[in-house]
PDB file of all heavy atoms in Angstrom:
ATOM      1  N   LYS A   1     154.062 175.117  22.819  1.00  0.00           N
ATOM      2  CA  LYS A   1     153.947 174.537  24.154  1.00  0.00           C
ATOM      3  C   LYS A   1     153.592 175.602  25.185  1.00  0.00           C
ATOM      4  O   LYS A   1     152.683 175.411  26.018  1.00  0.00           O
ATOM      5  CB  LYS A   1     155.243 173.833  24.540  1.00  0.00           C
ATOM      6  CG  LYS A   1     155.184 173.163  25.907  1.00  0.00           C
ATOM      7  CD  LYS A   1     156.494 172.471  26.259  1.00  0.00           C
ATOM      8  CE  LYS A   1     156.408 171.847  27.652  1.00  0.00           C
ATOM      9  NZ  LYS A   1     157.695 171.189  28.041  1.00  0.00           N
ATOM     10  N   ALA A   2     154.308 176.723  25.123  1.00  0.00           N
ATOM     11  CA  ALA A   2     154.041 177.819  26.069  1.00  0.00           C
ATOM     12  C   ALA A   2     152.639 178.371  25.857  1.00  0.00           C
ATOM     13  O   ALA A   2     151.929 178.711  26.821  1.00  0.00           O
ATOM     14  CB  ALA A   2     155.082 178.921  25.899  1.00  0.00           C
ATOM     15  N   ILE A   3     152.206 178.449  24.604  1.00  0.00           N
ATOM     16  CA  ILE A   3     150.871 178.964  24.298  1.00  0.00           C
ATOM     17  C   ILE A   3     149.789 178.041  24.859  1.00  0.00           C
ATOM     18  O   ILE A   3     148.796 178.509  25.453  1.00  0.00           O
ATOM     19  CB  ILE A   3     150.709 179.144  22.778  1.00  0.00           C
ATOM     20  CG1 ILE A   3     151.556 180.322  22.310  1.00  0.00           C
ATOM     21  CG2 ILE A   3     149.247 179.345  22.398  1.00  0.00           C
ATOM     22  CD1 ILE A   3     151.670 180.442  20.812  1.00  0.00           C
ATOM     23  N   ALA A   4     149.979 176.739  24.692  1.00  0.00           N
ATOM     24  CA  ALA A   4     148.998 175.779  25.215  1.00  0.00           C
ATOM     25  C   ALA A   4     148.872 175.912  26.727  1.00  0.00           C
ATOM     26  O   ALA A   4     147.755 175.861  27.285  1.00  0.00           O
ATOM     27  CB  ALA A   4     149.413 174.357  24.836  1.00  0.00           C
ATOM     28  N   GLU A   5     149.983 176.095  27.400  1.00  0.00           N
ATOM     29  CA  GLU A   5     149.955 176.252  28.857  1.00  0.00           C
ATOM     30  C   GLU A   5     149.230 177.534  29.244  1.00  0.00           C
ATOM     31  O   GLU A   5     148.444 177.556  30.206  1.00  0.00           O
ATOM     32  CB  GLU A   5     151.378 176.253  29.407  1.00  0.00           C
ATOM     33  CG  GLU A   5     152.080 174.898  29.289  1.00  0.00           C
ATOM     34  CD  GLU A   5     153.551 174.961  29.683  1.00  0.00           C
ATOM     35  OE1 GLU A   5     154.041 176.097  29.932  1.00  0.00           O
ATOM     36  OE2 GLU A   5     154.200 173.904  29.737  1.00  0.00           O
ATOM     37  N   ARG A   6     149.485 178.612  28.504  1.00  0.00           N
ATOM     38  CA  ARG A   6     148.822 179.887  28.798  1.00  0.00           C
ATOM     39  C   ARG A   6     147.315 179.785  28.554  1.00  0.00           C
ATOM     40  O   ARG A   6     146.513 180.308  29.330  1.00  0.00           O
ATOM     41  CB  ARG A   6     149.410 180.999  27.922  1.00  0.00           C
ATOM     42  CG  ARG A   6     150.759 181.512  28.386  1.00  0.00           C
ATOM     43  CD  ARG A   6     151.016 182.874  27.794  1.00  0.00           C
ATOM     44  NE  ARG A   6     152.310 183.408  28.191  1.00  0.00           N
ATOM     45  CZ  ARG A   6     152.615 184.696  28.222  1.00  0.00           C
ATOM     46  NH1 ARG A   6     151.687 185.586  27.880  1.00  0.00           N
ATOM     47  NH2 ARG A   6     153.801 185.108  28.580  1.00  0.00           N
ATOM     48  N   ILE A   7     146.946 179.149  27.463  1.00  0.00           N
ATOM     49  CA  ILE A   7     145.521 179.006  27.152  1.00  0.00           C
ATOM     50  C   ILE A   7     144.808 178.205  28.237  1.00  0.00           C
ATOM     51  O   ILE A   7     143.698 178.566  28.670  1.00  0.00           O
ATOM     52  CB  ILE A   7     145.341 178.368  25.762  1.00  0.00           C
ATOM     53  CG1 ILE A   7     145.731 179.373  24.674  1.00  0.00           C
ATOM     54  CG2 ILE A   7     143.897 177.900  25.559  1.00  0.00           C
ATOM     55  CD1 ILE A   7     145.717 178.808  23.264  1.00  0.00           C
ATOM     56  N   ALA A   8     145.454 177.127  28.696  1.00  0.00           N
ATOM     57  CA  ALA A   8     144.857 176.319  29.767  1.00  0.00           C
ATOM     58  C   ALA A   8     144.661 177.162  31.019  1.00  0.00           C
ATOM     59  O   ALA A   8     143.619 177.069  31.694  1.00  0.00           O
ATOM     60  CB  ALA A   8     145.742 175.114  30.061  1.00  0.00           C
ATOM     61  N   LEU A   9     145.635 177.984  31.332  1.00  0.00           N
ATOM     62  CA  LEU A   9     145.536 178.861  32.502  1.00  0.00           C
ATOM     63  C   LEU A   9     144.419 179.882  32.317  1.00  0.00           C
ATOM     64  O   LEU A   9     143.633 180.135  33.249  1.00  0.00           O
ATOM     65  CB  LEU A   9     146.878 179.563  32.738  1.00  0.00           C
ATOM     66  CG  LEU A   9     146.955 180.523  33.931  1.00  0.00           C
ATOM     67  CD1 LEU A   9     146.668 179.784  35.243  1.00  0.00           C
ATOM     68  CD2 LEU A   9     148.319 181.199  33.992  1.00  0.00           C
ATOM     69  N   LEU A  10     144.331 180.454  31.127  1.00  0.00           N
ATOM     70  CA  LEU A  10     143.279 181.444  30.852  1.00  0.00           C
ATOM     71  C   LEU A  10     141.885 180.828  30.911  1.00  0.00           C
ATOM     72  O   LEU A  10     140.946 181.454  31.417  1.00  0.00           O
ATOM     73  CB  LEU A  10     143.517 182.079  29.475  1.00  0.00           C
ATOM     74  CG  LEU A  10     144.694 183.047  29.376  1.00  0.00           C
ATOM     75  CD1 LEU A  10     144.962 183.400  27.919  1.00  0.00           C
ATOM     76  CD2 LEU A  10     144.425 184.304  30.200  1.00  0.00           C
ATOM     77  N   GLU A  11     141.745 179.611  30.418  1.00  0.00           N
ATOM     78  CA  GLU A  11     140.456 178.931  30.477  1.00  0.00           C
ATOM     79  C   GLU A  11     140.054 178.675  31.930  1.00  0.00           C
ATOM     80  O   GLU A  11     138.873 178.847  32.284  1.00  0.00           O
ATOM     81  CB  GLU A  11     140.523 177.614  29.693  1.00  0.00           C
ATOM     82  CG  GLU A  11     140.573 177.828  28.183  1.00  0.00           C
ATOM     83  CD  GLU A  11     140.804 176.542  27.402  1.00  0.00           C
ATOM     84  OE1 GLU A  11     141.305 175.559  28.010  1.00  0.00           O
ATOM     85  OE2 GLU A  11     140.495 176.507  26.194  1.00  0.00           O
ATOM     86  N   ALA A  12     141.021 178.320  32.764  1.00  0.00           N
ATOM     87  CA  ALA A  12     140.734 178.120  34.186  1.00  0.00           C
ATOM     88  C   ALA A  12     140.321 179.437  34.840  1.00  0.00           C
ATOM     89  O   ALA A  12     139.369 179.484  35.636  1.00  0.00           O
ATOM     90  CB  ALA A  12     141.958 177.524  34.881  1.00  0.00           C
ATOM     91  N   GLN A  13     141.027 180.517  34.501  1.00  0.00           N
ATOM     92  CA  GLN A  13     140.693 181.834  35.061  1.00  0.00           C
ATOM     93  C   GLN A  13     139.310 182.280  34.582  1.00  0.00           C
ATOM     94  O   GLN A  13     138.551 182.889  35.342  1.00  0.00           O
ATOM     95  CB  GLN A  13     141.760 182.856  34.644  1.00  0.00           C
ATOM     96  CG  GLN A  13     143.109 182.651  35.318  1.00  0.00           C
ATOM     97  CD  GLN A  13     144.166 183.618  34.781  1.00  0.00           C
ATOM     98  OE1 GLN A  13     144.019 184.177  33.693  1.00  0.00           O
ATOM     99  NE2 GLN A  13     145.234 183.798  35.549  1.00  0.00           N
ATOM    100  N   SER A  14     138.992 181.955  33.340  1.00  0.00           N
ATOM    101  CA  SER A  14     137.679 182.325  32.794  1.00  0.00           C
ATOM    102  C   SER A  14     136.563 181.615  33.559  1.00  0.00           C
ATOM    103  O   SER A  14     135.535 182.219  33.897  1.00  0.00           O
ATOM    104  CB  SER A  14     137.625 181.979  31.304  1.00  0.00           C
ATOM    105  OG  SER A  14     136.354 182.284  30.774  1.00  0.00           O
ATOM    106  N   ARG A  15     136.759 180.317  33.832  1.00  0.00           N
ATOM    107  CA  ARG A  15     135.743 179.558  34.594  1.00  0.00           C
ATOM    108  C   ARG A  15     135.588 180.113  36.002  1.00  0.00           C
ATOM    109  O   ARG A  15     134.470 180.269  36.498  1.00  0.00           O
ATOM    110  CB  ARG A  15     136.138 178.080  34.633  1.00  0.00           C
ATOM    111  CG  ARG A  15     135.982 177.355  33.293  1.00  0.00           C
ATOM    112  CD  ARG A  15     136.092 175.849  33.472  1.00  0.00           C
ATOM    113  NE  ARG A  15     137.412 175.447  33.957  1.00  0.00           N
ATOM    114  CZ  ARG A  15     138.443 175.162  33.157  1.00  0.00           C
ATOM    115  NH1 ARG A  15     138.322 175.267  31.837  1.00  0.00           N
ATOM    116  NH2 ARG A  15     139.597 174.776  33.675  1.00  0.00           N
ATOM    117  N   GLU A  16     136.712 180.423  36.630  1.00  0.00           N
ATOM    118  CA  GLU A  16     136.659 180.970  37.995  1.00  0.00           C
ATOM    119  C   GLU A  16     135.922 182.305  38.000  1.00  0.00           C
ATOM    120  O   GLU A  16     135.124 182.579  38.907  1.00  0.00           O
ATOM    121  CB  GLU A  16     138.079 181.146  38.527  1.00  0.00           C
ATOM    122  CG  GLU A  16     138.804 179.839  38.831  1.00  0.00           C
ATOM    123  CD  GLU A  16     140.267 180.055  39.180  1.00  0.00           C
ATOM    124  OE1 GLU A  16     140.678 181.242  39.275  1.00  0.00           O
ATOM    125  OE2 GLU A  16     140.999 179.066  39.347  1.00  0.00           O
ATOM    126  N   ALA A  17     136.211 183.128  37.000  1.00  0.00           N
ATOM    127  CA  ALA A  17     135.539 184.432  36.929  1.00  0.00           C
ATOM    128  C   ALA A  17     134.048 184.266  36.716  1.00  0.00           C
ATOM    129  O   ALA A  17     133.220 184.978  37.316  1.00  0.00           O
ATOM    130  CB  ALA A  17     136.150 185.275  35.811  1.00  0.00           C
ATOM    131  N   ALA A  18     133.671 183.301  35.861  1.00  0.00           N
ATOM    132  CA  ALA A  18     132.244 183.042  35.604  1.00  0.00           C
ATOM    133  C   ALA A  18     131.551 182.540  36.853  1.00  0.00           C
ATOM    134  O   ALA A  18     130.411 182.948  37.164  1.00  0.00           O
ATOM    135  CB  ALA A  18     132.112 182.028  34.473  1.00  0.00           C
ATOM    136  N   GLN A  19     132.209 181.643  37.590  1.00  0.00           N
ATOM    137  CA  GLN A  19     131.627 181.135  38.833  1.00  0.00           C
ATOM    138  C   GLN A  19     131.450 182.218  39.861  1.00  0.00           C
ATOM    139  O   GLN A  19     130.456 182.309  40.559  1.00  0.00           O
ATOM    140  CB  GLN A  19     132.513 180.015  39.371  1.00  0.00           C
ATOM    141  CG  GLN A  19     132.485 178.726  38.548  1.00  0.00           C
ATOM    142  CD  GLN A  19     133.529 177.720  38.966  1.00  0.00           C
ATOM    143  OE1 GLN A  19     134.299 177.973  39.891  1.00  0.00           O
ATOM    144  NE2 GLN A  19     133.560 176.566  38.283  1.00  0.00           N
ATOM    145  N   ALA A  20     132.483 183.113  39.939  1.00  0.00           N
ATOM    146  CA  ALA A  20     132.411 184.204  40.907  1.00  0.00           C
ATOM    147  C   ALA A  20     131.247 185.143  40.561  1.00  0.00           C
ATOM    148  O   ALA A  20     130.509 185.614  41.428  1.00  0.00           O
ATOM    149  CB  ALA A  20     133.729 184.968  40.922  1.00  0.00           C
ATOM    150  N   LYS A  21     131.096 185.420  39.267  1.00  0.00           N
ATOM    151  CA  LYS A  21     130.017 186.299  38.816  1.00  0.00           C
ATOM    152  C   LYS A  21     128.663 185.656  39.083  1.00  0.00           C
ATOM    153  O   LYS A  21     127.713 186.324  39.529  1.00  0.00           O
ATOM    154  CB  LYS A  21     130.174 186.565  37.318  1.00  0.00           C
ATOM    155  CG  LYS A  21     129.144 187.528  36.763  1.00  0.00           C
ATOM    156  CD  LYS A  21     129.369 187.776  35.288  1.00  0.00           C
ATOM    157  CE  LYS A  21     128.302 188.707  34.733  1.00  0.00           C
ATOM    158  NZ  LYS A  21     128.490 188.967  33.290  1.00  0.00           N
ATOM    159  N   SER A  22     128.574 184.340  38.852  1.00  0.00           N
ATOM    160  CA  SER A  22     127.303 183.613  39.096  1.00  0.00           C
ATOM    161  C   SER A  22     126.960 183.645  40.561  1.00  0.00           C
ATOM    162  O   SER A  22     125.784 183.808  40.946  1.00  0.00           O
ATOM    163  CB  SER A  22     127.443 182.169  38.609  1.00  0.00           C
ATOM    164  OG  SER A  22     126.293 181.426  38.912  1.00  0.00           O
ATOM    165  N   GLY A  23     127.963 183.509  41.428  1.00  0.00           N
ATOM    166  CA  GLY A  23     127.726 183.521  42.860  1.00  0.00           C
ATOM    167  C   GLY A  23     127.223 184.873  43.326  1.00  0.00           C
ATOM    168  O   GLY A  23     126.375 184.974  44.228  1.00  0.00           O
ATOM    169  N   LEU A  24     127.734 185.954  42.709  1.00  0.00           N
ATOM    170  CA  LEU A  24     127.310 187.301  43.096  1.00  0.00           C
ATOM    171  C   LEU A  24     125.882 187.571  42.641  1.00  0.00           C
ATOM    172  O   LEU A  24     125.168 188.366  43.257  1.00  0.00           O
ATOM    173  CB  LEU A  24     128.258 188.352  42.458  1.00  0.00           C
ATOM    174  CG  LEU A  24     129.661 188.415  43.067  1.00  0.00           C
ATOM    175  CD1 LEU A  24     130.545 189.360  42.247  1.00  0.00           C
ATOM    176  CD2 LEU A  24     129.615 188.889  44.523  1.00  0.00           C
ATOM    177  N   GLU A  25     125.476 186.942  41.553  1.00  0.00           N
ATOM    178  CA  GLU A  25     124.129 187.219  41.019  1.00  0.00           C
ATOM    179  C   GLU A  25     123.041 186.448  41.756  1.00  0.00           C
ATOM    180  O   GLU A  25     121.848 186.717  41.567  1.00  0.00           O
ATOM    181  CB  GLU A  25     124.121 186.835  39.526  1.00  0.00           C
ATOM    182  CG  GLU A  25     124.938 187.812  38.670  1.00  0.00           C
ATOM    183  CD  GLU A  25     125.018 187.361  37.233  1.00  0.00           C
ATOM    184  OE1 GLU A  25     124.576 186.217  36.943  1.00  0.00           O
ATOM    185  OE2 GLU A  25     125.511 188.144  36.391  1.00  0.00           O
ATOM    186  N   ARG A  26     123.391 185.452  42.535  1.00  0.00           N
ATOM    187  CA  ARG A  26     122.369 184.664  43.272  1.00  0.00           C
ATOM    188  C   ARG A  26     121.817 185.448  44.457  1.00  0.00           C
ATOM    189  O   ARG A  26     122.481 186.254  45.074  1.00  0.00           O
ATOM    190  CB  ARG A  26     122.972 183.364  43.766  1.00  0.00           C
ATOM    191  CG  ARG A  26     123.241 182.381  42.628  1.00  0.00           C
ATOM    192  CD  ARG A  26     123.898 181.137  43.135  1.00  0.00           C
ATOM    193  NE  ARG A  26     124.224 180.231  42.033  1.00  0.00           N
ATOM    194  CZ  ARG A  26     124.895 179.102  42.181  1.00  0.00           C
ATOM    195  NH1 ARG A  26     125.322 178.725  43.387  1.00  0.00           N
ATOM    196  NH2 ARG A  26     125.172 178.349  41.131  1.00  0.00           N
TER     197      ARG A  26
END
């Protein structure tokens, strides 16, 4: 249960990081 919650959080952080990187490259 704790692992699933952590993975969900990490996936959200990964998307945010990707969006931030995409915004900087425009």
